[in-house]
Amino acid sequence: MLKRLLLALLIGSFGVATVPASATTVVIYQDPMTMDRRTVVVDDKKPDRAYWCVLPPSSVGCRELPVRRGR
């Protein structure tokens, strides 16, 4: 009985461990007047992305940053 319970817990833990990680979008807003930064993380189903956006009065807009996977 104990062996069956341990086996069931072991098999159940494999199901939890195989849940894929969700991708995120990171947007970094920067105020050109004060150089303050604010980071917004959005959890979505799209590939990992990062954007750097300069707030008005700047006319630069948003630029996509390269995302490195791994270290």
N, C-alpha and C. Protein backbone atom coordinates (compact mmCIF):
# COMPACT_ATOMS: atom_id res chain seq x y z
N MET A 1 0.82 -1.19 0.00
CA MET A 1 0.00 0.00 0.00
C MET A 1 0.87 1.26 0.00
N LEU A 2 1.90 1.27 0.83
CA LEU A 2 2.79 2.42 0.91
C LEU A 2 3.57 2.60 -0.39
N LYS A 3 3.96 1.49 -1.00
CA LYS A 3 4.70 1.56 -2.26
C LYS A 3 3.83 2.15 -3.36
N ARG A 4 2.57 1.78 -3.39
CA ARG A 4 1.65 2.31 -4.41
C ARG A 4 1.45 3.81 -4.21
N LEU A 5 1.34 4.23 -2.97
CA LEU A 5 1.17 5.65 -2.67
C LEU A 5 2.40 6.44 -3.10
N LEU A 6 3.58 5.94 -2.79
CA LEU A 6 4.81 6.61 -3.19
C LEU A 6 4.96 6.65 -4.71
N LEU A 7 4.60 5.56 -5.37
CA LEU A 7 4.66 5.52 -6.82
C LEU A 7 3.68 6.53 -7.44
N ALA A 8 2.49 6.63 -6.88
CA ALA A 8 1.51 7.60 -7.38
C ALA A 8 2.00 9.03 -7.18
N LEU A 9 2.62 9.32 -6.05
CA LEU A 9 3.16 10.66 -5.81
C LEU A 9 4.31 10.97 -6.76
N LEU A 10 5.14 9.98 -7.03
CA LEU A 10 6.26 10.17 -7.94
C LEU A 10 5.78 10.45 -9.36
N ILE A 11 4.81 9.68 -9.82
CA ILE A 11 4.26 9.89 -11.17
C ILE A 11 3.54 11.23 -11.24
N GLY A 12 2.84 11.60 -10.19
CA GLY A 12 2.16 12.90 -10.16
C GLY A 12 3.12 14.06 -10.20
N SER A 13 4.28 13.91 -9.57
CA SER A 13 5.26 15.00 -9.58
C SER A 13 5.86 15.18 -10.96
N PHE A 14 5.96 14.13 -11.77
CA PHE A 14 6.45 14.28 -13.13
C PHE A 14 5.49 15.12 -13.96
N GLY A 15 4.22 14.97 -13.73
CA GLY A 15 3.23 15.76 -14.46
C GLY A 15 3.35 17.24 -14.14
N VAL A 16 3.65 17.57 -12.91
CA VAL A 16 3.81 18.97 -12.52
C VAL A 16 5.13 19.52 -13.04
N ALA A 17 6.16 18.70 -13.06
CA ALA A 17 7.48 19.16 -13.48
C ALA A 17 7.57 19.41 -14.98
N THR A 18 6.66 18.88 -15.77
CA THR A 18 6.74 19.04 -17.22
C THR A 18 5.91 20.19 -17.75
N VAL A 19 5.39 21.05 -16.89
CA VAL A 19 4.63 22.19 -17.34
C VAL A 19 5.60 23.18 -17.99
N PRO A 20 5.37 23.58 -19.25
CA PRO A 20 6.31 24.48 -19.92
C PRO A 20 6.26 25.88 -19.33
N ALA A 21 7.38 26.56 -19.39
CA ALA A 21 7.44 27.94 -18.91
C ALA A 21 6.74 28.85 -19.92
N SER A 22 6.06 29.84 -19.42
CA SER A 22 5.37 30.76 -20.32
C SER A 22 6.33 31.87 -20.75
N ALA A 23 6.10 32.39 -21.92
CA ALA A 23 6.94 33.46 -22.46
C ALA A 23 6.47 34.80 -21.92
N THR A 24 7.34 35.77 -21.96
CA THR A 24 6.99 37.09 -21.45
C THR A 24 7.43 38.17 -22.43
N THR A 25 6.79 39.30 -22.29
CA THR A 25 7.21 40.50 -22.99
C THR A 25 7.59 41.53 -21.94
N VAL A 26 8.79 42.07 -22.04
CA VAL A 26 9.28 43.06 -21.10
C VAL A 26 9.36 44.39 -21.83
N VAL A 27 8.71 45.42 -21.26
CA VAL A 27 8.75 46.76 -21.84
C VAL A 27 9.39 47.68 -20.81
N ILE A 28 10.45 48.38 -21.23
CA ILE A 28 11.15 49.32 -20.35
C ILE A 28 10.82 50.72 -20.84
N TYR A 29 10.10 51.48 -20.01
CA TYR A 29 9.76 52.86 -20.35
C TYR A 29 10.78 53.78 -19.68
N GLN A 30 11.28 54.76 -20.44
CA GLN A 30 12.24 55.71 -19.88
C GLN A 30 11.77 57.12 -20.15
N ASP A 31 11.79 57.95 -19.11
CA ASP A 31 11.43 59.35 -19.23
C ASP A 31 12.68 60.13 -19.64
N PRO A 32 12.67 60.81 -20.80
CA PRO A 32 13.87 61.51 -21.25
C PRO A 32 14.23 62.73 -20.42
N MET A 33 13.26 63.27 -19.69
CA MET A 33 13.53 64.48 -18.90
C MET A 33 14.21 64.14 -17.57
N THR A 34 13.78 63.06 -16.93
CA THR A 34 14.33 62.72 -15.61
C THR A 34 15.19 61.46 -15.64
N MET A 35 15.21 60.74 -16.77
CA MET A 35 15.95 59.49 -16.93
C MET A 35 15.44 58.38 -15.99
N ASP A 36 14.24 58.54 -15.47
CA ASP A 36 13.62 57.49 -14.65
C ASP A 36 13.17 56.36 -15.56
N ARG A 37 13.27 55.13 -15.04
CA ARG A 37 12.84 53.96 -15.81
C ARG A 37 11.74 53.22 -15.08
N ARG A 38 10.83 52.67 -15.86
CA ARG A 38 9.75 51.85 -15.32
C ARG A 38 9.67 50.61 -16.19
N THR A 39 9.63 49.44 -15.55
CA THR A 39 9.61 48.17 -16.28
C THR A 39 8.24 47.52 -16.12
N VAL A 40 7.67 47.10 -17.23
CA VAL A 40 6.38 46.40 -17.24
C VAL A 40 6.61 45.03 -17.86
N VAL A 41 6.16 43.99 -17.15
CA VAL A 41 6.29 42.61 -17.63
C VAL A 41 4.91 42.09 -17.95
N VAL A 42 4.73 41.61 -19.18
CA VAL A 42 3.45 41.08 -19.63
C VAL A 42 3.62 39.59 -19.91
N ASP A 43 2.81 38.77 -19.27
CA ASP A 43 2.87 37.32 -19.47
C ASP A 43 1.91 36.96 -20.59
N ASP A 44 2.45 36.57 -21.74
CA ASP A 44 1.60 36.22 -22.88
C ASP A 44 2.10 34.95 -23.54
N LYS A 45 1.41 34.52 -24.57
CA LYS A 45 1.73 33.25 -25.24
C LYS A 45 2.68 33.44 -26.42
N LYS A 46 3.20 34.62 -26.62
CA LYS A 46 4.10 34.90 -27.74
C LYS A 46 5.54 34.62 -27.32
N PRO A 47 6.48 34.63 -28.26
CA PRO A 47 7.89 34.41 -27.91
C PRO A 47 8.41 35.52 -26.99
N ASP A 48 9.52 35.24 -26.30
CA ASP A 48 10.13 36.24 -25.42
C ASP A 48 10.54 37.46 -26.23
N ARG A 49 10.18 38.63 -25.72
CA ARG A 49 10.52 39.88 -26.39
C ARG A 49 10.86 40.93 -25.35
N ALA A 50 11.66 41.91 -25.74
CA ALA A 50 11.99 43.04 -24.87
C ALA A 50 11.98 44.31 -25.72
N TYR A 51 11.36 45.36 -25.18
CA TYR A 51 11.28 46.65 -25.87
C TYR A 51 11.78 47.75 -24.94
N TRP A 52 12.44 48.74 -25.52
CA TRP A 52 12.85 49.94 -24.80
C TRP A 52 12.10 51.10 -25.41
N CYS A 53 11.28 51.78 -24.63
CA CYS A 53 10.43 52.86 -25.13
C CYS A 53 10.76 54.15 -24.40
N VAL A 54 10.94 55.21 -25.16
CA VAL A 54 11.17 56.53 -24.58
C VAL A 54 9.85 57.28 -24.62
N LEU A 55 9.46 57.79 -23.46
CA LEU A 55 8.18 58.49 -23.34
C LEU A 55 8.26 59.88 -23.98
N PRO A 56 7.10 60.47 -24.33
CA PRO A 56 7.10 61.82 -24.88
C PRO A 56 7.70 62.80 -23.87
N PRO A 57 8.33 63.85 -24.26
CA PRO A 57 8.32 64.54 -25.54
C PRO A 57 9.29 63.99 -26.57
N SER A 58 9.97 62.93 -26.30
CA SER A 58 10.89 62.35 -27.27
C SER A 58 10.12 61.75 -28.44
N SER A 59 10.76 61.71 -29.60
CA SER A 59 10.12 61.14 -30.78
C SER A 59 10.78 59.83 -31.21
N VAL A 60 11.59 59.24 -30.33
CA VAL A 60 12.30 58.00 -30.65
C VAL A 60 11.34 56.83 -30.77
N GLY A 61 10.37 56.76 -29.88
CA GLY A 61 9.42 55.65 -29.89
C GLY A 61 9.98 54.43 -29.19
N CYS A 62 9.65 53.24 -29.70
CA CYS A 62 10.08 51.98 -29.08
C CYS A 62 11.06 51.25 -29.99
N ARG A 63 12.02 50.61 -29.37
CA ARG A 63 12.98 49.78 -30.10
C ARG A 63 12.99 48.40 -29.47
N GLU A 64 13.05 47.38 -30.33
CA GLU A 64 13.11 46.00 -29.83
C GLU A 64 14.56 45.69 -29.45
N LEU A 65 14.73 45.11 -28.26
CA LEU A 65 16.05 44.73 -27.78
C LEU A 65 16.28 43.25 -28.03
N PRO A 66 17.53 42.86 -28.32
CA PRO A 66 17.80 41.42 -28.50
C PRO A 66 17.67 40.68 -27.17
N VAL A 67 17.07 39.50 -27.22
CA VAL A 67 16.87 38.68 -26.02
C VAL A 67 17.83 37.51 -26.09
N ARG A 68 18.67 37.37 -25.07
CA ARG A 68 19.60 36.24 -24.99
C ARG A 68 18.97 35.16 -24.12
N ARG A 69 18.99 33.95 -24.61
CA ARG A 69 18.47 32.82 -23.84
C ARG A 69 19.64 32.05 -23.29
N GLY A 70 19.61 31.79 -21.99
CA GLY A 70 20.72 31.08 -21.35
C GLY A 70 21.76 32.06 -20.85
N ARG A 71 22.76 31.52 -20.17
CA ARG A 71 23.81 32.38 -19.61
C ARG A 71 25.14 31.98 -20.07
